[in-house]
């Protein structure tokens, strides 16, 4: 993808896995990554619990937001009876880059779910 430079920092917050903030500088000819490029490095889909049980359990333990919404109005993310983080996210067949240059990630309905309470 023509990466010129990158930098990152890893943070540990209240609970769960550490997370990283990553800044990538692309060569001008590759300034805006294509949706396929984004899909190669970012996934927001639930893994298959039979094919990838370890990854599934990590996602279940550390990467699932909620529960929040009308059934649970107490979490700090709730503002005016809505999740301020815009969960649950809608199913999205393909990754797109919106008019402001922000990605809207692919979230296919692969039939895999996580029950969290």
Protein backbone atom coordinates (compact mmCIF):
# COMPACT_ATOMS: atom_id res chain seq x y z
CA UNK A 1 0.00 0.00 0.00
CA UNK A 2 2.98 2.35 -0.13
CA UNK A 3 3.37 3.15 3.56
CA UNK A 4 5.92 5.92 4.12
CA UNK A 5 5.88 6.05 7.91
CA UNK A 6 3.87 4.77 10.85
CA UNK A 7 3.64 5.41 14.57
CA UNK A 8 1.59 3.90 17.34
CA UNK A 9 0.92 3.88 21.05
CA UNK A 10 -0.53 1.04 23.10
CA UNK A 11 -2.95 1.88 25.91
CA UNK A 12 -4.27 -0.11 28.84
CA UNK A 13 -7.63 1.09 30.11
CA UNK A 14 -9.94 0.05 32.93
CA UNK A 15 -10.39 -3.56 31.86
CA UNK A 16 -9.89 -5.88 28.95
CA UNK A 17 -7.23 -6.12 26.30
CA UNK A 18 -4.79 -3.33 25.52
CA UNK A 19 -5.58 -1.33 22.42
CA UNK A 20 -3.48 0.67 19.99
CA UNK A 21 -3.83 4.03 18.32
CA UNK A 22 -2.08 3.76 14.96
CA UNK A 23 -1.19 6.57 12.55
CA UNK A 24 -0.08 5.57 9.06
CA UNK A 25 1.35 7.95 6.46
CA UNK A 26 0.84 6.70 2.91
CA UNK A 27 2.70 7.63 -0.23
CA UNK A 28 0.61 10.32 -2.01
CA UNK A 29 -0.26 7.87 -4.80
CA UNK A 30 -1.95 5.64 -2.18
CA UNK A 31 -3.34 8.32 0.10
CA UNK A 32 -6.82 6.86 0.36
CA UNK A 33 -6.97 3.09 0.88
CA UNK A 34 -9.56 1.15 -1.05
CA UNK A 35 -12.24 -0.85 0.79
CA UNK A 36 -10.45 -4.10 -0.07
CA UNK A 37 -7.27 -2.76 1.54
CA UNK A 38 -9.21 -1.91 4.70
CA UNK A 39 -10.79 -5.39 4.81
CA UNK A 40 -7.31 -6.98 4.78
CA UNK A 41 -6.35 -5.35 8.08
CA UNK A 42 -9.62 -4.62 9.93
CA UNK A 43 -12.43 -7.04 10.76
CA UNK A 44 -15.53 -6.21 12.78
CA UNK A 45 -17.26 -9.54 12.22
CA UNK A 46 -17.84 -12.28 14.78
CA UNK A 47 -15.42 -15.17 14.16
CA UNK A 48 -16.61 -18.74 13.62
CA UNK A 49 -16.60 -20.38 17.09
CA UNK A 50 -15.91 -23.83 15.58
CA UNK A 51 -13.08 -22.82 13.23
CA UNK A 52 -11.49 -20.17 15.46
CA UNK A 53 -12.54 -20.91 19.07
CA UNK A 54 -9.65 -19.01 20.69
CA UNK A 55 -10.30 -15.87 18.63
CA UNK A 56 -14.05 -16.19 19.20
CA UNK A 57 -13.55 -16.33 22.98
CA UNK A 58 -11.17 -13.36 22.92
CA UNK A 59 -13.68 -11.31 20.93
CA UNK A 60 -16.48 -12.41 23.27
CA UNK A 61 -14.49 -11.50 26.39
CA UNK A 62 -12.90 -8.25 25.29
CA UNK A 63 -14.33 -6.76 22.11
CA UNK A 64 -18.12 -6.76 22.44
CA UNK A 65 -19.89 -3.56 23.43
CA UNK A 66 -22.84 -3.65 25.77
CA UNK A 67 -25.33 -4.75 26.67
CA UNK A 68 -26.98 -1.38 26.40
CA UNK A 69 -30.14 0.02 24.90
CA UNK A 70 -33.73 0.12 26.02
CA UNK A 71 -33.29 -3.13 27.94
CA UNK A 72 -30.37 -1.65 29.93
CA UNK A 73 -30.33 2.14 30.31
CA UNK A 74 -27.65 2.29 33.05
CA UNK A 75 -24.34 2.01 31.13
CA UNK A 76 -22.29 5.19 30.81
CA UNK A 77 -22.60 5.04 27.02
CA UNK A 78 -26.35 5.74 27.25
CA UNK A 79 -27.36 9.34 26.52
CA UNK A 80 -31.02 10.30 26.02
CA UNK A 81 -32.04 6.62 25.95
CA UNK A 82 -29.64 5.86 23.05
CA UNK A 83 -26.15 4.41 22.92
CA UNK A 84 -23.72 7.28 22.34
CA UNK A 85 -21.43 4.82 20.49
CA UNK A 86 -24.22 4.07 17.98
CA UNK A 87 -24.62 0.39 18.87
CA UNK A 88 -25.89 -1.90 17.63
CA UNK A 89 -24.25 -1.28 14.26
CA UNK A 90 -26.14 -2.13 11.08
CA UNK A 91 -25.31 -5.06 8.81
CA UNK A 92 -23.06 -3.77 6.01
CA UNK A 93 -22.36 -6.01 2.99
CA UNK A 94 -19.17 -4.22 1.96
CA UNK A 95 -16.76 -1.68 3.39
CA UNK A 96 -17.26 1.80 1.99
CA UNK A 97 -15.47 5.08 2.50
CA UNK A 98 -17.99 7.84 3.24
CA UNK A 99 -17.98 11.35 1.76
CA UNK A 100 -15.76 12.60 4.60
CA UNK A 101 -13.16 9.88 4.02
CA UNK A 102 -14.13 7.71 7.00
CA UNK A 103 -14.56 3.95 6.55
CA UNK A 104 -17.87 2.25 7.25
CA UNK A 105 -16.70 -1.28 7.94
CA UNK A 106 -18.06 -4.46 6.39
CA UNK A 107 -20.36 -6.27 8.85
CA UNK A 108 -21.77 -9.26 7.03
CA UNK A 109 -24.45 -11.46 8.55
CA UNK A 110 -22.32 -14.60 8.82
CA UNK A 111 -24.72 -16.27 11.26
CA UNK A 112 -22.25 -16.12 14.17
CA UNK A 113 -23.50 -14.37 17.29
CA UNK A 114 -22.36 -13.60 20.81
CA UNK A 115 -24.75 -13.53 23.75
CA UNK A 116 -23.53 -11.13 26.40
CA UNK A 117 -25.38 -10.21 29.56
